[in-house]
Amino acid sequence: MPKLQDFYDAAFPRFREIADHLEQFPLDDLPERERNLLYLVYSLIQVSLAVDMWGQPEVIDAGNAMYFRTVEPIP
């Protein structure tokens, strides 16, 4: 949890700035740098659930949640 909190604390205050930057590019043709930035946003979204809602890295009182990806994610 400390690493998740550190990431959240560093990234969340810049979310609006990041989103404004990414909105300048077409989603289906992001340059590599911006695509990586979008992936960082995806990570922030996942971490925010643990930090804001659950207070722990896993869903409270639920079965294991696993993400299975069969193809590269598309922005």
Protein backbone atom coordinates (compact mmCIF):
# COMPACT_ATOMS: atom_id res chain seq x y z
CA MET A 1 0.00 0.00 0.00
CA PRO A 2 2.77 2.55 0.66
CA LYS A 3 3.99 2.29 -2.96
CA LEU A 4 0.44 2.64 -4.27
CA GLN A 5 -0.10 5.68 -2.06
CA ASP A 6 3.19 7.25 -3.20
CA PHE A 7 2.25 6.79 -6.86
CA TYR A 8 -1.24 8.17 -6.24
CA ASP A 9 0.11 11.19 -4.35
CA ALA A 10 2.57 11.98 -7.16
CA ALA A 11 0.27 11.42 -10.14
CA PHE A 12 -3.22 12.45 -9.03
CA PRO A 13 -2.52 16.19 -8.58
CA ARG A 14 -1.34 16.30 -12.22
CA PHE A 15 -4.27 14.35 -13.65
CA ARG A 16 -6.05 17.40 -15.16
CA GLU A 17 -2.79 18.59 -16.73
CA ILE A 18 -2.17 15.13 -18.20
CA ALA A 19 -5.75 14.83 -19.48
CA ASP A 20 -5.58 18.28 -21.10
CA HIS A 21 -2.32 17.31 -22.81
CA LEU A 22 -3.69 13.99 -24.09
CA GLU A 23 -6.83 15.64 -25.47
CA GLN A 24 -4.64 17.38 -28.07
CA PHE A 25 -4.05 14.06 -29.86
CA PRO A 26 -6.38 11.66 -31.68
CA LEU A 27 -6.96 8.64 -29.47
CA ASP A 28 -6.51 6.15 -32.29
CA ASP A 29 -3.16 7.64 -33.38
CA LEU A 30 -1.29 8.62 -30.22
CA PRO A 31 2.44 9.16 -30.47
CA GLU A 32 4.41 6.64 -28.39
CA ARG A 33 5.18 9.12 -25.61
CA GLU A 34 1.51 10.05 -25.21
CA ARG A 35 0.41 6.41 -25.43
CA ASN A 36 2.74 5.65 -22.51
CA LEU A 37 1.28 8.61 -20.65
CA LEU A 38 -2.20 7.21 -21.26
CA TYR A 39 -1.08 3.88 -19.84
CA LEU A 40 0.12 5.79 -16.78
CA VAL A 41 -3.39 7.24 -16.45
CA TYR A 42 -4.83 3.72 -16.69
CA SER A 43 -2.54 2.72 -13.82
CA LEU A 44 -3.61 5.73 -11.80
CA ILE A 45 -7.25 4.75 -12.24
CA GLN A 46 -6.55 1.25 -10.92
CA VAL A 47 -4.49 2.56 -8.00
CA SER A 48 -7.12 5.15 -7.11
CA LEU A 49 -9.60 2.36 -6.36
CA ALA A 50 -7.25 0.89 -3.78
CA VAL A 51 -6.40 4.28 -2.27
CA ASP A 52 -9.79 6.04 -2.37
CA MET A 53 -12.25 3.20 -1.94
CA TRP A 54 -10.77 0.12 -0.37
CA GLY A 55 -7.77 1.29 1.66
CA GLN A 56 -5.98 -1.86 0.54
CA PRO A 57 -4.75 -3.29 -2.77
CA GLU A 58 -7.58 -5.82 -3.15
CA VAL A 59 -11.34 -5.57 -3.27
CA ILE A 60 -12.84 -5.93 0.19
CA ASP A 61 -15.06 -8.98 0.78
CA ALA A 62 -14.88 -10.14 -2.82
CA GLY A 63 -13.35 -12.96 -4.76
CA ASN A 64 -10.14 -12.49 -6.63
CA ALA A 65 -10.42 -10.08 -9.52
CA MET A 66 -8.03 -10.84 -12.33
CA TYR A 67 -7.58 -9.03 -15.61
CA PHE A 68 -6.86 -11.30 -18.54
CA ARG A 69 -5.66 -9.51 -21.63
CA THR A 70 -5.51 -11.38 -24.90
CA VAL A 71 -4.42 -8.47 -27.07
CA GLU A 72 -2.50 -5.24 -26.60
CA PRO A 73 -4.82 -2.63 -25.06
CA ILE A 74 -6.09 -0.04 -27.48
CA PRO A 75 -6.18 3.49 -26.11
